[in-house]
Amino acid sequence: MDILHDYALYYEKASPVRPWIISKYMAFKLYTLGISAVAAVVVGREQWLFVGHETEKVDELRYFLGLNLMADKEMARWLRVLSARRRWLEKMGIAYLLVIAPNKSSIYPEYMPAIYPRGQRTRLDQLSGFMARRSPDFPMLDLRPAMKSGKKRQVLYWTTDSHWNDFGRNLAYREIVARLAVRFPSLKALAADAFEARPCPEPPHDLEDLLLLPWRAGMPAFRLVPRSPLPSTRITATTSPGARQVEIFRARAASLPLALIIHDSFGQPLKPLLGCHFRRSRWILDRSHSLPAAWIESRRPSLVIDEIAERYLEEDPWTNPAAIGE
């Protein structure tokens, strides 16, 4: 029986007609019934695609609808972990900044399916309000206001991808630099005219890939290309045993010595821009946001940034090393 079961599974995956059957089924549900057959993708208005069910803990559609709000004890735990992290760093003279990258659906709710209500209270609404009451000086940068204002001038997210596009990335970069300049007055963002907008024939499309159907973007796509080479250079990239990707950027003439940025996929495109302002910047792709306490104590960076995508606030609050605690 086990052999037959294994063969059935093999045939199901290896059959040459399987991709054809799947694509026809997906197309029937989408184009005939108006329903996405993939829970991970929400098909919105005017060819916009959004993240849906990502994991058991993370579901951007559920988040958008305000169906998984935090209890007070969960918000209190987030505040304890983040405050302890900040205090520990400040004792060593290290600045800290928490950056929240907004969900695409938070910035463009008008392109979500019309059946879903807008303006529901979300976890970030809760957490930002809770922290404003309990720790009003906490260094948190919620990029939603800047993005909602900036979208009046440019489209800030890829229509077929879950991430911000080059315009959104540059806006986020400028907001981060502006916030850091309060602590580091020498910081000044790259000039806006240092980049040229060029048509992008093949935009990113992680959501289209999940949909398993070719998808036409709802509007033209552009890349922002530097008019001259950026002063930052990637000098190394490694993957640790814990599957954490580490990249180091260098900018020889930068005014600040060293930064540590722990991030998710939204932080990836920020590297060459923000890296311009530090002689060395260490970027760790780590959704769990483990703080490398021993490395920080030995290297003493001038700055630590935690960047988190808004929808990942559905995951459990982070944990700190024992030396930091809560």
C-alpha atoms as a PDB file:
ATOM      1  CA  MET A   1       0.000   0.000   0.000  1.00  0.00           C
ATOM      2  CA  ASP A   2       2.817   2.398   0.833  1.00  0.00           C
ATOM      3  CA  ILE A   3       4.382   1.788  -2.588  1.00  0.00           C
ATOM      4  CA  LEU A   4       1.097   2.513  -4.351  1.00  0.00           C
ATOM      5  CA  HIS A   5       0.563   5.644  -2.233  1.00  0.00           C
ATOM      6  CA  ASP A   6       4.058   6.904  -2.985  1.00  0.00           C
ATOM      7  CA  TYR A   7       3.616   6.204  -6.690  1.00  0.00           C
ATOM      8  CA  ALA A   8       0.301   8.079  -6.704  1.00  0.00           C
ATOM      9  CA  LEU A   9       1.968  11.099  -5.137  1.00  0.00           C
ATOM     10  CA  TYR A  10       4.836  10.895  -7.615  1.00  0.00           C
ATOM     11  CA  TYR A  11       2.484  10.652 -10.577  1.00  0.00           C
ATOM     12  CA  GLU A  12       0.412  13.565  -9.333  1.00  0.00           C
ATOM     13  CA  LYS A  13       3.495  15.780  -9.227  1.00  0.00           C
ATOM     14  CA  ALA A  14       5.308  14.424 -12.291  1.00  0.00           C
ATOM     15  CA  SER A  15       2.413  14.062 -14.724  1.00  0.00           C
ATOM     16  CA  PRO A  16       2.979  16.288 -17.782  1.00  0.00           C
ATOM     17  CA  VAL A  17      -0.721  17.173 -17.901  1.00  0.00           C
ATOM     18  CA  ARG A  18      -0.849  18.335 -14.286  1.00  0.00           C
ATOM     19  CA  PRO A  19       0.333  21.945 -14.954  1.00  0.00           C
ATOM     20  CA  TRP A  20      -2.179  22.235 -17.823  1.00  0.00           C
ATOM     21  CA  ILE A  21      -5.050  20.965 -15.671  1.00  0.00           C
ATOM     22  CA  ILE A  22      -4.117  23.270 -12.805  1.00  0.00           C
ATOM     23  CA  SER A  23      -3.853  26.348 -15.020  1.00  0.00           C
ATOM     24  CA  LYS A  24      -7.246  25.601 -16.641  1.00  0.00           C
ATOM     25  CA  TYR A  25      -8.843  25.110 -13.232  1.00  0.00           C
ATOM     26  CA  MET A  26      -7.324  28.351 -11.926  1.00  0.00           C
ATOM     27  CA  ALA A  27      -8.455  30.249 -15.018  1.00  0.00           C
ATOM     28  CA  PHE A  28     -12.001  28.870 -14.772  1.00  0.00           C
ATOM     29  CA  LYS A  29     -12.394  29.917 -11.144  1.00  0.00           C
ATOM     30  CA  LEU A  30     -10.911  33.353 -11.725  1.00  0.00           C
ATOM     31  CA  TYR A  31     -12.377  34.369 -15.070  1.00  0.00           C
ATOM     32  CA  THR A  32     -15.744  32.574 -14.807  1.00  0.00           C
ATOM     33  CA  LEU A  33     -16.520  32.686 -11.098  1.00  0.00           C
ATOM     34  CA  GLY A  34     -14.432  35.730 -10.185  1.00  0.00           C
ATOM     35  CA  ILE A  35     -12.701  33.821  -7.391  1.00  0.00           C
ATOM     36  CA  SER A  36      -8.980  33.327  -6.792  1.00  0.00           C
ATOM     37  CA  ALA A  37      -8.235  29.632  -6.347  1.00  0.00           C
ATOM     38  CA  VAL A  38      -5.088  30.511  -4.398  1.00  0.00           C
ATOM     39  CA  ALA A  39      -5.651  31.588  -0.809  1.00  0.00           C
ATOM     40  CA  ALA A  40      -2.278  33.333  -0.814  1.00  0.00           C
ATOM     41  CA  VAL A  41      -3.420  35.849  -3.458  1.00  0.00           C
ATOM     42  CA  VAL A  42      -6.286  38.345  -3.358  1.00  0.00           C
ATOM     43  CA  VAL A  43      -7.321  39.516  -6.824  1.00  0.00           C
ATOM     44  CA  GLY A  44      -8.281  43.147  -6.480  1.00  0.00           C
ATOM     45  CA  ARG A  45      -9.700  45.794  -8.752  1.00  0.00           C
ATOM     46  CA  GLU A  46      -8.034  46.975 -11.989  1.00  0.00           C
ATOM     47  CA  GLN A  47      -5.590  44.029 -12.094  1.00  0.00           C
ATOM     48  CA  TRP A  48      -4.106  44.715  -8.664  1.00  0.00           C
ATOM     49  CA  LEU A  49      -2.935  41.669  -6.692  1.00  0.00           C
ATOM     50  CA  PHE A  50      -2.580  41.526  -2.903  1.00  0.00           C
ATOM     51  CA  VAL A  51      -1.239  39.075  -0.351  1.00  0.00           C
ATOM     52  CA  GLY A  52      -3.823  36.836   1.269  1.00  0.00           C
ATOM     53  CA  HIS A  53      -3.146  33.800   3.434  1.00  0.00           C
ATOM     54  CA  GLU A  54       0.636  33.509   3.854  1.00  0.00           C
ATOM     55  CA  THR A  55       0.978  31.184   6.865  1.00  0.00           C
ATOM     56  CA  GLU A  56      -1.266  29.998   9.668  1.00  0.00           C
ATOM     57  CA  LYS A  57      -0.202  33.054  11.651  1.00  0.00           C
ATOM     58  CA  VAL A  58       0.032  35.606   8.841  1.00  0.00           C
ATOM     59  CA  ASP A  59      -2.938  36.463   6.640  1.00  0.00           C
ATOM     60  CA  GLU A  60      -3.015  39.962   5.150  1.00  0.00           C
ATOM     61  CA  LEU A  61      -6.674  39.693   4.158  1.00  0.00           C
ATOM     62  CA  ARG A  62      -7.640  38.783   7.703  1.00  0.00           C
ATOM     63  CA  TYR A  63      -5.409  41.623   8.897  1.00  0.00           C
ATOM     64  CA  PHE A  64      -7.058  44.081   6.476  1.00  0.00           C
ATOM     65  CA  LEU A  65     -10.490  43.096   7.775  1.00  0.00           C
ATOM     66  CA  GLY A  66      -9.397  43.620  11.391  1.00  0.00           C
ATOM     67  CA  LEU A  67     -10.271  40.047  12.359  1.00  0.00           C
ATOM     68  CA  ASN A  68      -7.178  39.258  14.425  1.00  0.00           C
ATOM     69  CA  LEU A  69      -6.626  42.159  16.788  1.00  0.00           C
ATOM     70  CA  MET A  70      -4.170  42.093  19.679  1.00  0.00           C
ATOM     71  CA  ALA A  71      -5.067  41.558  23.294  1.00  0.00           C
ATOM     72  CA  ASP A  72      -3.661  44.080  25.750  1.00  0.00           C
ATOM     73  CA  LYS A  73      -1.160  41.547  27.067  1.00  0.00           C
ATOM     74  CA  GLU A  74       0.232  41.015  23.561  1.00  0.00           C
ATOM     75  CA  MET A  75       0.722  44.733  23.014  1.00  0.00           C
ATOM     76  CA  ALA A  76       2.335  44.978  26.448  1.00  0.00           C
ATOM     77  CA  ARG A  77       4.743  42.192  25.518  1.00  0.00           C
ATOM     78  CA  TRP A  78       5.705  43.934  22.266  1.00  0.00           C
ATOM     79  CA  LEU A  79       6.402  47.105  24.240  1.00  0.00           C
ATOM     80  CA  ARG A  80       8.476  45.262  26.865  1.00  0.00           C
ATOM     81  CA  VAL A  81      10.631  43.517  24.259  1.00  0.00           C
ATOM     82  CA  LEU A  82      11.177  46.633  22.170  1.00  0.00           C
ATOM     83  CA  SER A  83      11.805  48.909  25.154  1.00  0.00           C
ATOM     84  CA  ALA A  84      14.341  46.489  26.633  1.00  0.00           C
ATOM     85  CA  ARG A  85      16.091  46.299  23.274  1.00  0.00           C
ATOM     86  CA  ARG A  86      16.218  50.074  23.030  1.00  0.00           C
ATOM     87  CA  ARG A  87      17.451  50.571  26.634  1.00  0.00           C
ATOM     88  CA  TRP A  88      20.212  47.995  26.240  1.00  0.00           C
ATOM     89  CA  LEU A  89      21.463  49.678  23.079  1.00  0.00           C
ATOM     90  CA  GLU A  90      21.220  53.194  24.486  1.00  0.00           C
ATOM     91  CA  LYS A  91      23.440  52.195  27.435  1.00  0.00           C
ATOM     92  CA  MET A  92      26.185  51.607  24.877  1.00  0.00           C
ATOM     93  CA  GLY A  93      25.419  54.848  23.053  1.00  0.00           C
ATOM     94  CA  ILE A  94      23.798  53.002  20.146  1.00  0.00           C
ATOM     95  CA  ALA A  95      20.748  54.529  18.493  1.00  0.00           C
ATOM     96  CA  TYR A  96      17.712  52.367  17.765  1.00  0.00           C
ATOM     97  CA  LEU A  97      14.877  52.706  15.249  1.00  0.00           C
ATOM     98  CA  LEU A  98      11.893  50.467  14.566  1.00  0.00           C
ATOM     99  CA  VAL A  99      10.596  50.857  10.987  1.00  0.00           C
ATOM    100  CA  ILE A 100       7.170  49.517   9.960  1.00  0.00           C
ATOM    101  CA  ALA A 101       6.780  48.834   6.220  1.00  0.00           C
ATOM    102  CA  PRO A 102       3.060  49.159   5.414  1.00  0.00           C
ATOM    103  CA  ASN A 103       0.994  46.423   3.839  1.00  0.00           C
ATOM    104  CA  LYS A 104       0.098  47.124   0.237  1.00  0.00           C
ATOM    105  CA  SER A 105      -3.573  46.849   1.227  1.00  0.00           C
ATOM    106  CA  SER A 106      -3.088  49.521   3.907  1.00  0.00           C
ATOM    107  CA  ILE A 107      -1.890  52.047   1.330  1.00  0.00           C
ATOM    108  CA  TYR A 108      -4.177  51.030  -1.539  1.00  0.00           C
ATOM    109  CA  PRO A 109      -7.432  49.813   0.046  1.00  0.00           C
ATOM    110  CA  GLU A 110      -9.335  51.251  -2.922  1.00  0.00           C
ATOM    111  CA  TYR A 111      -7.935  48.465  -5.115  1.00  0.00           C
ATOM    112  CA  MET A 112      -8.982  45.676  -2.762  1.00  0.00           C
ATOM    113  CA  PRO A 113     -12.135  43.782  -3.856  1.00  0.00           C
ATOM    114  CA  ALA A 114     -15.212  45.959  -3.414  1.00  0.00           C
ATOM    115  CA  ILE A 115     -16.922  43.350  -1.220  1.00  0.00           C
ATOM    116  CA  TYR A 116     -14.484  43.992   1.622  1.00  0.00           C
ATOM    117  CA  PRO A 117     -15.094  46.893   4.025  1.00  0.00           C
ATOM    118  CA  ARG A 118     -12.424  49.578   4.318  1.00  0.00           C
ATOM    119  CA  GLY A 119     -11.040  51.359   7.326  1.00  0.00           C
ATOM    120  CA  GLN A 120     -11.095  48.498   9.809  1.00  0.00           C
ATOM    121  CA  ARG A 121      -8.897  48.829  12.883  1.00  0.00           C
ATOM    122  CA  THR A 122      -5.657  46.904  12.518  1.00  0.00           C
ATOM    123  CA  ARG A 123      -2.896  45.584  14.732  1.00  0.00           C
ATOM    124  CA  LEU A 124      -0.620  48.479  13.796  1.00  0.00           C
ATOM    125  CA  ASP A 125      -3.363  50.934  14.738  1.00  0.00           C
ATOM    126  CA  GLN A 126      -3.538  49.203  18.107  1.00  0.00           C
ATOM    127  CA  LEU A 127       0.198  48.964  18.694  1.00  0.00           C
ATOM    128  CA  SER A 128       0.995  52.527  17.617  1.00  0.00           C
ATOM    129  CA  GLY A 129      -1.755  53.875  19.884  1.00  0.00           C
ATOM    130  CA  PHE A 130      -0.647  51.695  22.785  1.00  0.00           C
ATOM    131  CA  MET A 131       2.980  52.801  22.436  1.00  0.00           C
ATOM    132  CA  ALA A 132       1.995  56.452  22.057  1.00  0.00           C
ATOM    133  CA  ARG A 133       0.223  56.222  25.414  1.00  0.00           C
ATOM    134  CA  ARG A 134       2.781  54.103  27.280  1.00  0.00           C
ATOM    135  CA  SER A 135       6.060  55.223  25.665  1.00  0.00           C
ATOM    136  CA  PRO A 136       5.451  58.388  23.607  1.00  0.00           C
ATOM    137  CA  ASP A 137       9.153  58.923  22.859  1.00  0.00           C
ATOM    138  CA  PHE A 138       9.745  55.429  21.513  1.00  0.00           C
ATOM    139  CA  PRO A 139      11.705  55.601  18.205  1.00  0.00           C
ATOM    140  CA  MET A 140       9.170  53.988  15.859  1.00  0.00           C
ATOM    141  CA  LEU A 141       8.705  55.069  12.242  1.00  0.00           C
ATOM    142  CA  ASP A 142       5.277  54.121  10.909  1.00  0.00           C
ATOM    143  CA  LEU A 143       5.560  54.750   7.174  1.00  0.00           C
ATOM    144  CA  ARG A 144       1.816  54.699   6.498  1.00  0.00           C
ATOM    145  CA  PRO A 145       1.266  58.489   6.693  1.00  0.00           C
ATOM    146  CA  ALA A 146       4.155  59.222   4.322  1.00  0.00           C
ATOM    147  CA  MET A 147       3.041  56.507   1.912  1.00  0.00           C
ATOM    148  CA  LYS A 148      -0.587  57.655   1.900  1.00  0.00           C
ATOM    149  CA  SER A 149       0.558  61.173   1.119  1.00  0.00           C
ATOM    150  CA  GLY A 150       3.167  60.072  -1.426  1.00  0.00           C
ATOM    151  CA  LYS A 151       0.758  57.914  -3.427  1.00  0.00           C
ATOM    152  CA  LYS A 152      -0.946  61.104  -4.628  1.00  0.00           C
ATOM    153  CA  ARG A 153       2.174  61.783  -6.713  1.00  0.00           C
ATOM    154  CA  GLN A 154       3.395  58.306  -7.665  1.00  0.00           C
ATOM    155  CA  VAL A 155       2.273  54.683  -7.529  1.00  0.00           C
ATOM    156  CA  LEU A 156       4.357  53.225  -4.696  1.00  0.00           C
ATOM    157  CA  TYR A 157       3.784  49.455  -4.933  1.00  0.00           C
ATOM    158  CA  TRP A 158       4.105  46.967  -7.778  1.00  0.00           C
ATOM    159  CA  THR A 159       0.645  45.941  -8.955  1.00  0.00           C
ATOM    160  CA  THR A 160       1.581  42.248  -9.375  1.00  0.00           C
ATOM    161  CA  ASP A 161       3.964  42.008  -6.401  1.00  0.00           C
ATOM    162  CA  SER A 162       3.574  42.357  -2.656  1.00  0.00           C
ATOM    163  CA  HIS A 163       6.375  44.910  -2.206  1.00  0.00           C
ATOM    164  CA  TRP A 164       6.858  48.600  -2.709  1.00  0.00           C
ATOM    165  CA  ASN A 165       8.317  49.643  -6.061  1.00  0.00           C
ATOM    166  CA  ASP A 166      11.296  51.937  -6.591  1.00  0.00           C
ATOM    167  CA  PHE A 167       9.231  55.059  -5.855  1.00  0.00           C
ATOM    168  CA  GLY A 168       7.995  53.511  -2.605  1.00  0.00           C
ATOM    169  CA  ARG A 169      11.497  52.369  -1.714  1.00  0.00           C
ATOM    170  CA  ASN A 170      12.931  55.852  -2.267  1.00  0.00           C
ATOM    171  CA  LEU A 171      10.183  57.446  -0.220  1.00  0.00           C
ATOM    172  CA  ALA A 172      10.816  54.994   2.642  1.00  0.00           C
ATOM    173  CA  TYR A 173      14.551  55.656   2.407  1.00  0.00           C
ATOM    174  CA  ARG A 174      14.050  59.415   2.662  1.00  0.00           C
ATOM    175  CA  GLU A 175      11.733  59.078   5.639  1.00  0.00           C
ATOM    176  CA  ILE A 176      14.261  56.866   7.437  1.00  0.00           C
ATOM    177  CA  VAL A 177      17.112  59.293   6.764  1.00  0.00           C
ATOM    178  CA  ALA A 178      14.997  62.237   7.920  1.00  0.00           C
ATOM    179  CA  ARG A 179      14.222  60.444  11.187  1.00  0.00           C
ATOM    180  CA  LEU A 180      17.851  59.442  11.739  1.00  0.00           C
ATOM    181  CA  ALA A 181      19.079  62.977  11.004  1.00  0.00           C
ATOM    182  CA  VAL A 182      17.569  64.079  14.319  1.00  0.00           C
ATOM    183  CA  ARG A 183      20.191  61.905  16.036  1.00  0.00           C
ATOM    184  CA  PHE A 184      22.873  62.156  13.326  1.00  0.00           C
ATOM    185  CA  PRO A 185      22.756  65.687  11.837  1.00  0.00           C
ATOM    186  CA  SER A 186      25.369  64.849   9.197  1.00  0.00           C
ATOM    187  CA  LEU A 187      22.921  62.533   7.430  1.00  0.00           C
ATOM    188  CA  LYS A 188      21.431  63.902   4.230  1.00  0.00           C
ATOM    189  CA  ALA A 189      19.451  61.858   1.719  1.00  0.00           C
ATOM    190  CA  LEU A 190      20.617  61.502  -1.861  1.00  0.00           C
ATOM    191  CA  ALA A 191      19.223  64.198  -4.143  1.00  0.00           C
ATOM    192  CA  ALA A 192      15.897  63.345  -5.762  1.00  0.00           C
ATOM    193  CA  ASP A 193      17.306  64.145  -9.202  1.00  0.00           C
ATOM    194  CA  ALA A 194      20.068  61.573  -8.705  1.00  0.00           C
ATOM    195  CA  PHE A 195      17.632  59.025 -10.171  1.00  0.00           C
ATOM    196  CA  GLU A 196      16.003  58.717 -13.566  1.00  0.00           C
ATOM    197  CA  ALA A 197      12.657  56.962 -14.111  1.00  0.00           C
ATOM    198  CA  ARG A 198      12.857  54.403 -16.896  1.00  0.00           C
ATOM    199  CA  PRO A 199      10.150  52.033 -18.175  1.00  0.00           C
ATOM    200  CA  CYS A 200      10.388  48.597 -16.634  1.00  0.00           C
ATOM    201  CA  PRO A 201       9.500  45.831 -19.139  1.00  0.00           C
ATOM    202  CA  GLU A 202       9.396  43.068 -16.511  1.00  0.00           C
ATOM    203  CA  PRO A 203       8.340  44.233 -13.028  1.00  0.00           C
ATOM    204  CA  PRO A 204       8.562  41.905 -10.029  1.00  0.00           C
ATOM    205  CA  HIS A 205       5.577  39.581  -9.766  1.00  0.00           C
ATOM    206  CA  ASP A 206       5.721  37.293  -6.750  1.00  0.00           C
ATOM    207  CA  LEU A 207       1.918  37.339  -6.494  1.00  0.00           C
ATOM    208  CA  GLU A 208       1.490  36.556 -10.176  1.00  0.00           C
ATOM    209  CA  ASP A 209       3.787  33.566  -9.687  1.00  0.00           C
ATOM    210  CA  LEU A 210       1.613  32.338  -6.818  1.00  0.00           C
ATOM    211  CA  LEU A 211      -1.522  32.821  -8.908  1.00  0.00           C
ATOM    212  CA  LEU A 212      -0.093  30.385 -11.515  1.00  0.00           C
ATOM    213  CA  LEU A 213      -1.609  32.442 -14.308  1.00  0.00           C
ATOM    214  CA  PRO A 214      -0.127  35.117 -16.558  1.00  0.00           C
ATOM    215  CA  TRP A 215      -1.308  38.487 -15.358  1.00  0.00           C
ATOM    216  CA  ARG A 216      -1.310  41.869 -17.003  1.00  0.00           C
ATOM    217  CA  ALA A 217      -0.182  44.712 -14.760  1.00  0.00           C
ATOM    218  CA  GLY A 218      -2.844  47.380 -14.389  1.00  0.00           C
ATOM    219  CA  MET A 219      -0.489  50.234 -15.256  1.00  0.00           C
ATOM    220  CA  PRO A 220       2.998  50.898 -16.687  1.00  0.00           C
ATOM    221  CA  ALA A 221       5.946  50.097 -14.425  1.00  0.00           C
ATOM    222  CA  PHE A 222       9.120  52.109 -13.935  1.00  0.00           C
ATOM    223  CA  ARG A 223      12.506  51.683 -12.328  1.00  0.00           C
ATOM    224  CA  LEU A 224      14.453  54.508 -10.710  1.00  0.00           C
ATOM    225  CA  VAL A 225      17.968  54.188 -12.079  1.00  0.00           C
ATOM    226  CA  PRO A 226      20.874  56.162 -10.551  1.00  0.00           C
ATOM    227  CA  ARG A 227      22.288  58.690 -13.008  1.00  0.00           C
ATOM    228  CA  SER A 228      25.748  57.919 -11.653  1.00  0.00           C
ATOM    229  CA  PRO A 229      26.984  54.942  -9.582  1.00  0.00           C
ATOM    230  CA  LEU A 230      25.929  54.997  -5.946  1.00  0.00           C
ATOM    231  CA  PRO A 231      28.772  55.309  -3.426  1.00  0.00           C
ATOM    232  CA  SER A 232      27.780  52.073  -1.668  1.00  0.00           C
ATOM    233  CA  THR A 233      29.168  48.679  -2.651  1.00  0.00           C
ATOM    234  CA  ARG A 234      28.202  45.206  -1.517  1.00  0.00           C
ATOM    235  CA  ILE A 235      31.388  43.537  -0.338  1.00  0.00           C
ATOM    236  CA  THR A 236      30.147  40.214   1.017  1.00  0.00           C
ATOM    237  CA  ALA A 237      27.091  37.994   1.350  1.00  0.00           C
ATOM    238  CA  THR A 238      26.747  34.825   3.419  1.00  0.00           C
ATOM    239  CA  THR A 239      24.008  32.543   4.697  1.00  0.00           C
ATOM    240  CA  SER A 240      24.310  31.343   8.282  1.00  0.00           C
ATOM    241  CA  PRO A 241      23.324  27.865   9.513  1.00  0.00           C
ATOM    242  CA  GLY A 242      20.072  29.389  10.782  1.00  0.00           C
ATOM    243  CA  ALA A 243      19.226  30.376   7.185  1.00  0.00           C
ATOM    244  CA  ARG A 244      19.854  34.039   7.958  1.00  0.00           C
ATOM    245  CA  GLN A 245      21.258  35.926   5.011  1.00  0.00           C
ATOM    246  CA  VAL A 246      23.931  38.472   5.908  1.00  0.00           C
ATOM    247  CA  GLU A 247      25.157  41.143   3.495  1.00  0.00           C
ATOM    248  CA  ILE A 248      27.707  43.858   4.157  1.00  0.00           C
ATOM    249  CA  PHE A 249      27.816  47.146   2.263  1.00  0.00           C
ATOM    250  CA  ARG A 250      30.638  49.655   2.272  1.00  0.00           C
ATOM    251  CA  ALA A 251      30.745  53.395   1.506  1.00  0.00           C
ATOM    252  CA  ARG A 252      34.261  54.711   2.064  1.00  0.00           C
ATOM    253  CA  ALA A 253      33.445  58.427   2.331  1.00  0.00           C
ATOM    254  CA  ALA A 254      30.370  58.009   4.541  1.00  0.00           C
ATOM    255  CA  SER A 255      30.084  60.129   7.675  1.00  0.00           C
ATOM    256  CA  LEU A 256      29.021  57.337  10.066  1.00  0.00           C
ATOM    257  CA  PRO A 257      31.039  54.229  10.853  1.00  0.00           C
ATOM    258  CA  LEU A 258      28.756  51.206  11.262  1.00  0.00           C
ATOM    259  CA  ALA A 259      25.067  50.256  11.188  1.00  0.00           C
ATOM    260  CA  LEU A 260      23.195  47.012  11.787  1.00  0.00           C
ATOM    261  CA  ILE A 261      19.869  46.504  10.031  1.00  0.00           C
ATOM    262  CA  ILE A 262      17.694  43.459  10.741  1.00  0.00           C
ATOM    263  CA  HIS A 263      14.979  43.202   8.147  1.00  0.00           C
ATOM    264  CA  ASP A 264      12.546  41.180   6.081  1.00  0.00           C
ATOM    265  CA  SER A 265      12.057  41.323   2.298  1.00  0.00           C
ATOM    266  CA  PHE A 266      10.969  44.987   2.374  1.00  0.00           C
ATOM    267  CA  GLY A 267      14.462  45.899   3.562  1.00  0.00           C
ATOM    268  CA  GLN A 268      16.192  44.280   0.611  1.00  0.00           C
ATOM    269  CA  PRO A 269      15.894  47.199  -1.862  1.00  0.00           C
ATOM    270  CA  LEU A 270      16.922  49.739   0.805  1.00  0.00           C
ATOM    271  CA  LYS A 271      20.458  48.363   1.082  1.00  0.00           C
ATOM    272  CA  PRO A 272      22.272  50.303  -1.678  1.00  0.00           C
ATOM    273  CA  LEU A 273      20.564  53.552  -0.662  1.00  0.00           C
ATOM    274  CA  LEU A 274      20.835  53.509   3.112  1.00  0.00           C
ATOM    275  CA  GLY A 275      24.239  51.857   2.801  1.00  0.00           C
ATOM    276  CA  CYS A 276      25.553  55.086   1.264  1.00  0.00           C
ATOM    277  CA  HIS A 277      25.551  56.749   4.684  1.00  0.00           C
ATOM    278  CA  PHE A 278      27.718  54.253   6.618  1.00  0.00           C
ATOM    279  CA  ARG A 279      31.280  53.199   6.040  1.00  0.00           C
ATOM    280  CA  ARG A 280      29.996  49.703   6.715  1.00  0.00           C
ATOM    281  CA  SER A 281      26.442  48.454   7.128  1.00  0.00           C
ATOM    282  CA  ARG A 282      25.560  44.913   8.105  1.00  0.00           C
ATOM    283  CA  TRP A 283      22.183  43.662   6.815  1.00  0.00           C
ATOM    284  CA  ILE A 284      20.607  40.546   8.326  1.00  0.00           C
ATOM    285  CA  LEU A 285      17.567  39.040   6.621  1.00  0.00           C
ATOM    286  CA  ASP A 286      15.809  37.470   9.593  1.00  0.00           C
ATOM    287  CA  ARG A 287      12.058  37.362  10.117  1.00  0.00           C
ATOM    288  CA  SER A 288      12.508  36.374  13.758  1.00  0.00           C
ATOM    289  CA  HIS A 289      14.588  39.535  14.377  1.00  0.00           C
ATOM    290  CA  SER A 290      17.086  37.805  16.649  1.00  0.00           C
ATOM    291  CA  LEU A 291      19.402  40.421  18.076  1.00  0.00           C
ATOM    292  CA  PRO A 292      23.113  39.418  17.751  1.00  0.00           C
ATOM    293  CA  ALA A 293      24.010  40.697  21.204  1.00  0.00           C
ATOM    294  CA  ALA A 294      27.612  39.444  21.283  1.00  0.00           C
ATOM    295  CA  TRP A 295      28.380  40.997  17.888  1.00  0.00           C
ATOM    296  CA  ILE A 296      26.820  44.309  18.951  1.00  0.00           C
ATOM    297  CA  GLU A 297      28.805  44.411  22.201  1.00  0.00           C
ATOM    298  CA  SER A 298      32.071  43.737  20.389  1.00  0.00           C
ATOM    299  CA  ARG A 299      31.525  45.962  17.330  1.00  0.00           C
ATOM    300  CA  ARG A 300      29.476  48.806  18.872  1.00  0.00           C
ATOM    301  CA  PRO A 301      27.597  50.054  15.793  1.00  0.00           C
ATOM    302  CA  SER A 302      26.305  53.617  15.865  1.00  0.00           C
ATOM    303  CA  LEU A 303      22.819  52.451  14.910  1.00  0.00           C
ATOM    304  CA  VAL A 304      20.529  49.402  14.969  1.00  0.00           C
ATOM    305  CA  ILE A 305      17.379  49.329  12.812  1.00  0.00           C
ATOM    306  CA  ASP A 306      14.622  46.744  12.998  1.00  0.00           C
ATOM    307  CA  GLU A 307      12.460  46.802   9.831  1.00  0.00           C
ATOM    308  CA  ILE A 308       9.268  44.745   9.868  1.00  0.00           C
ATOM    309  CA  ALA A 309       6.457  44.436   7.338  1.00  0.00           C
ATOM    310  CA  GLU A 310       3.138  45.417   8.880  1.00  0.00           C
ATOM    311  CA  ARG A 311       1.468  42.038   8.331  1.00  0.00           C
ATOM    312  CA  TYR A 312       4.132  40.277  10.392  1.00  0.00           C
ATOM    313  CA  LEU A 313       2.712  41.931  13.489  1.00  0.00           C
ATOM    314  CA  GLU A 314       0.374  38.915  13.382  1.00  0.00           C
ATOM    315  CA  GLU A 315       3.305  36.746  14.428  1.00  0.00           C
ATOM    316  CA  ASP A 316       4.338  36.357  18.052  1.00  0.00           C
ATOM    317  CA  PRO A 317       6.292  39.247  19.579  1.00  0.00           C
ATOM    318  CA  TRP A 318      10.043  38.930  19.232  1.00  0.00           C
ATOM    319  CA  THR A 319      12.259  37.557  21.958  1.00  0.00           C
ATOM    320  CA  ASN A 320      15.468  39.121  23.249  1.00  0.00           C
ATOM    321  CA  PRO A 321      18.680  37.371  24.251  1.00  0.00           C
ATOM    322  CA  ALA A 322      18.833  36.479  27.939  1.00  0.00           C
ATOM    323  CA  ALA A 323      21.352  39.266  28.574  1.00  0.00           C
ATOM    324  CA  ILE A 324      18.759  41.829  27.460  1.00  0.00           C
ATOM    325  CA  GLY A 325      15.512  40.282  28.717  1.00  0.00           C
ATOM    326  CA  GLU A 326      12.174  42.035  28.600  1.00  0.00           C
END
